[in-house]
Amino acid sequence: MAETVENAIDETRRILQDVAEPHRYTDDDLLAILNNGIYEFKRLRPDAWLGQLDTDLPQFTDDPADLATPLPFNAMFFAPLIYYMTGYAELSDDEYAVDGRAATLLRTFSNQLTGDSA
């Protein structure tokens, strides 16, 4: 089953413990992070985009059709993208402890895509 844009937002909110209204992170904020994460993913793993190398990457919005859109990559890359989204969202928090977790999540995103454990 393909993961959708809405699945990515929901999973990111779950990890951020941001499921109750009003949300700390707006849908627009999380969608912007998702869109940036897809670009970063393609930069780190162009081989995962074979057949789509010369095509423009989608830019998702909060339109219901966009939210229901399957993400344009193999589901095995869903977890690293969630780490990116969660880490990037936490960078906007002011707490020092969250900064450390954010850096760890962003490093995990990169390490899982590249296989680099350093």
C-alpha atoms as a PDB file:
ATOM      1  CA  MET A   1       0.000   0.000   0.000  1.00  0.00           C
ATOM      2  CA  ALA A   2       1.421   3.371  -1.001  1.00  0.00           C
ATOM      3  CA  GLU A   3       1.791   6.001   1.677  1.00  0.00           C
ATOM      4  CA  THR A   4       0.007   9.277   1.024  1.00  0.00           C
ATOM      5  CA  VAL A   5       0.815  12.898   1.787  1.00  0.00           C
ATOM      6  CA  GLU A   6      -1.798  12.811   4.545  1.00  0.00           C
ATOM      7  CA  ASN A   7      -0.161   9.695   6.053  1.00  0.00           C
ATOM      8  CA  ALA A   8       3.140  11.599   6.215  1.00  0.00           C
ATOM      9  CA  ILE A   9       1.522  14.535   8.007  1.00  0.00           C
ATOM     10  CA  ASP A  10      -0.352  12.265  10.426  1.00  0.00           C
ATOM     11  CA  GLU A  11       2.735  10.216  11.287  1.00  0.00           C
ATOM     12  CA  THR A  12       4.834  13.340  11.771  1.00  0.00           C
ATOM     13  CA  ARG A  13       2.171  14.804  14.077  1.00  0.00           C
ATOM     14  CA  ARG A  14       2.084  11.562  16.069  1.00  0.00           C
ATOM     15  CA  ILE A  15       5.840  11.649  16.706  1.00  0.00           C
ATOM     16  CA  LEU A  16       5.727  15.366  17.506  1.00  0.00           C
ATOM     17  CA  GLN A  17       2.836  14.689  19.924  1.00  0.00           C
ATOM     18  CA  ASP A  18       0.852  17.302  18.019  1.00  0.00           C
ATOM     19  CA  VAL A  19      -2.397  15.437  17.430  1.00  0.00           C
ATOM     20  CA  ALA A  20      -4.710  17.638  19.533  1.00  0.00           C
ATOM     21  CA  GLU A  21      -6.245  20.810  18.123  1.00  0.00           C
ATOM     22  CA  PRO A  22      -5.033  23.481  17.880  1.00  0.00           C
ATOM     23  CA  HIS A  23      -1.885  22.088  16.302  1.00  0.00           C
ATOM     24  CA  ARG A  24       1.518  23.615  17.107  1.00  0.00           C
ATOM     25  CA  TYR A  25       2.540  22.997  13.491  1.00  0.00           C
ATOM     26  CA  THR A  26       0.103  24.004  10.761  1.00  0.00           C
ATOM     27  CA  ASP A  27      -0.624  21.762   7.800  1.00  0.00           C
ATOM     28  CA  ASP A  28       1.046  24.372   5.590  1.00  0.00           C
ATOM     29  CA  ASP A  29       4.206  24.217   7.740  1.00  0.00           C
ATOM     30  CA  LEU A  30       4.348  20.413   7.561  1.00  0.00           C
ATOM     31  CA  LEU A  31       3.621  20.411   3.832  1.00  0.00           C
ATOM     32  CA  ALA A  32       6.463  22.882   3.230  1.00  0.00           C
ATOM     33  CA  ILE A  33       8.770  20.607   5.218  1.00  0.00           C
ATOM     34  CA  LEU A  34       7.541  17.578   3.251  1.00  0.00           C
ATOM     35  CA  ASN A  35       8.164  19.356  -0.061  1.00  0.00           C
ATOM     36  CA  ASN A  36      11.686  20.327   1.048  1.00  0.00           C
ATOM     37  CA  GLY A  37      12.307  16.804   2.314  1.00  0.00           C
ATOM     38  CA  ILE A  38      11.436  15.314  -1.055  1.00  0.00           C
ATOM     39  CA  TYR A  39      14.006  17.585  -2.723  1.00  0.00           C
ATOM     40  CA  GLU A  40      16.619  16.619  -0.144  1.00  0.00           C
ATOM     41  CA  PHE A  41      15.733  12.946  -0.617  1.00  0.00           C
ATOM     42  CA  LYS A  42      16.204  13.229  -4.375  1.00  0.00           C
ATOM     43  CA  ARG A  43      19.532  15.020  -3.862  1.00  0.00           C
ATOM     44  CA  LEU A  44      20.821  12.249  -1.577  1.00  0.00           C
ATOM     45  CA  ARG A  45      19.363   9.295  -3.494  1.00  0.00           C
ATOM     46  CA  PRO A  46      18.890  10.142  -7.168  1.00  0.00           C
ATOM     47  CA  ASP A  47      18.902   6.417  -7.918  1.00  0.00           C
ATOM     48  CA  ALA A  48      15.576   6.107  -6.090  1.00  0.00           C
ATOM     49  CA  TRP A  49      14.063   8.397  -8.722  1.00  0.00           C
ATOM     50  CA  LEU A  50      15.044   6.500 -11.875  1.00  0.00           C
ATOM     51  CA  GLY A  51      12.511   7.275 -14.548  1.00  0.00           C
ATOM     52  CA  GLN A  52      11.731  10.588 -12.835  1.00  0.00           C
ATOM     53  CA  LEU A  53      15.153  12.253 -12.914  1.00  0.00           C
ATOM     54  CA  ASP A  54      14.161  14.842 -15.503  1.00  0.00           C
ATOM     55  CA  THR A  55      10.692  15.525 -14.131  1.00  0.00           C
ATOM     56  CA  ASP A  56       9.758  18.285 -11.730  1.00  0.00           C
ATOM     57  CA  LEU A  57       9.082  17.121  -8.210  1.00  0.00           C
ATOM     58  CA  PRO A  58       5.560  17.652  -6.926  1.00  0.00           C
ATOM     59  CA  GLN A  59       4.817  20.495  -4.564  1.00  0.00           C
ATOM     60  CA  PHE A  60       1.958  19.383  -2.339  1.00  0.00           C
ATOM     61  CA  THR A  61      -0.659  21.726  -0.877  1.00  0.00           C
ATOM     62  CA  ASP A  62      -3.504  21.264   1.577  1.00  0.00           C
ATOM     63  CA  ASP A  63      -5.893  20.578  -1.289  1.00  0.00           C
ATOM     64  CA  PRO A  64      -7.797  17.340  -0.509  1.00  0.00           C
ATOM     65  CA  ALA A  65      -6.636  15.822  -3.798  1.00  0.00           C
ATOM     66  CA  ASP A  66      -3.008  16.522  -2.876  1.00  0.00           C
ATOM     67  CA  LEU A  67      -3.447  15.068   0.601  1.00  0.00           C
ATOM     68  CA  ALA A  68      -4.760  11.815  -0.889  1.00  0.00           C
ATOM     69  CA  THR A  69      -1.904  11.608  -3.404  1.00  0.00           C
ATOM     70  CA  PRO A  70       0.456   8.658  -2.980  1.00  0.00           C
ATOM     71  CA  LEU A  71       4.025   9.756  -2.331  1.00  0.00           C
ATOM     72  CA  PRO A  72       6.124   9.411  -5.511  1.00  0.00           C
ATOM     73  CA  PHE A  73       8.669   6.924  -4.163  1.00  0.00           C
ATOM     74  CA  ASN A  74       8.973   3.423  -2.755  1.00  0.00           C
ATOM     75  CA  ALA A  75       7.341   2.971   0.662  1.00  0.00           C
ATOM     76  CA  MET A  76      10.651   1.812   2.152  1.00  0.00           C
ATOM     77  CA  PHE A  77      11.714   5.481   2.094  1.00  0.00           C
ATOM     78  CA  PHE A  78       8.683   6.638   4.093  1.00  0.00           C
ATOM     79  CA  ALA A  79      10.330   6.332   7.533  1.00  0.00           C
ATOM     80  CA  PRO A  80      13.427   8.388   6.623  1.00  0.00           C
ATOM     81  CA  LEU A  81      11.174  11.128   5.252  1.00  0.00           C
ATOM     82  CA  ILE A  82       9.209  11.145   8.523  1.00  0.00           C
ATOM     83  CA  TYR A  83      12.488  11.538  10.430  1.00  0.00           C
ATOM     84  CA  TYR A  84      13.307  14.525   8.216  1.00  0.00           C
ATOM     85  CA  MET A  85       9.891  16.112   8.703  1.00  0.00           C
ATOM     86  CA  THR A  86       9.938  15.594  12.468  1.00  0.00           C
ATOM     87  CA  GLY A  87      13.500  16.827  12.883  1.00  0.00           C
ATOM     88  CA  TYR A  88      12.985  19.876  10.709  1.00  0.00           C
ATOM     89  CA  ALA A  89       9.753  20.784  12.538  1.00  0.00           C
ATOM     90  CA  GLU A  90      11.518  20.497  15.884  1.00  0.00           C
ATOM     91  CA  LEU A  91      14.220  22.920  14.752  1.00  0.00           C
ATOM     92  CA  SER A  92      11.616  25.669  15.120  1.00  0.00           C
ATOM     93  CA  ASP A  93      11.132  24.871  18.830  1.00  0.00           C
ATOM     94  CA  ASP A  94      13.049  26.914  21.376  1.00  0.00           C
ATOM     95  CA  GLU A  95      14.054  24.163  23.783  1.00  0.00           C
ATOM     96  CA  TYR A  96      17.700  23.032  23.785  1.00  0.00           C
ATOM     97  CA  ALA A  97      16.764  19.373  24.350  1.00  0.00           C
ATOM     98  CA  VAL A  98      14.595  19.410  21.254  1.00  0.00           C
ATOM     99  CA  ASP A  99      17.494  20.770  19.179  1.00  0.00           C
ATOM    100  CA  GLY A 100      19.528  17.673  20.014  1.00  0.00           C
ATOM    101  CA  ARG A 101      16.673  15.393  19.056  1.00  0.00           C
ATOM    102  CA  ALA A 102      16.086  17.367  15.852  1.00  0.00           C
ATOM    103  CA  ALA A 103      19.730  16.994  14.842  1.00  0.00           C
ATOM    104  CA  THR A 104      19.586  13.264  15.564  1.00  0.00           C
ATOM    105  CA  LEU A 105      16.451  12.844  13.454  1.00  0.00           C
ATOM    106  CA  LEU A 106      17.922  14.777  10.528  1.00  0.00           C
ATOM    107  CA  ARG A 107      21.129  12.741  10.748  1.00  0.00           C
ATOM    108  CA  THR A 108      19.063   9.531  10.818  1.00  0.00           C
ATOM    109  CA  PHE A 109      17.238  10.650   7.656  1.00  0.00           C
ATOM    110  CA  SER A 110      20.544  11.135   5.845  1.00  0.00           C
ATOM    111  CA  ASN A 111      22.134   7.970   7.228  1.00  0.00           C
ATOM    112  CA  GLN A 112      19.198   5.781   6.255  1.00  0.00           C
ATOM    113  CA  LEU A 113      19.215   7.110   2.721  1.00  0.00           C
ATOM    114  CA  THR A 114      22.961   6.945   2.183  1.00  0.00           C
ATOM    115  CA  GLY A 115      23.968   4.053   4.432  1.00  0.00           C
ATOM    116  CA  ASP A 116      26.532   6.318   6.107  1.00  0.00           C
ATOM    117  CA  SER A 117      26.768   5.526   9.810  1.00  0.00           C
ATOM    118  CA  ALA A 118      29.334   8.193  10.650  1.00  0.00           C
END
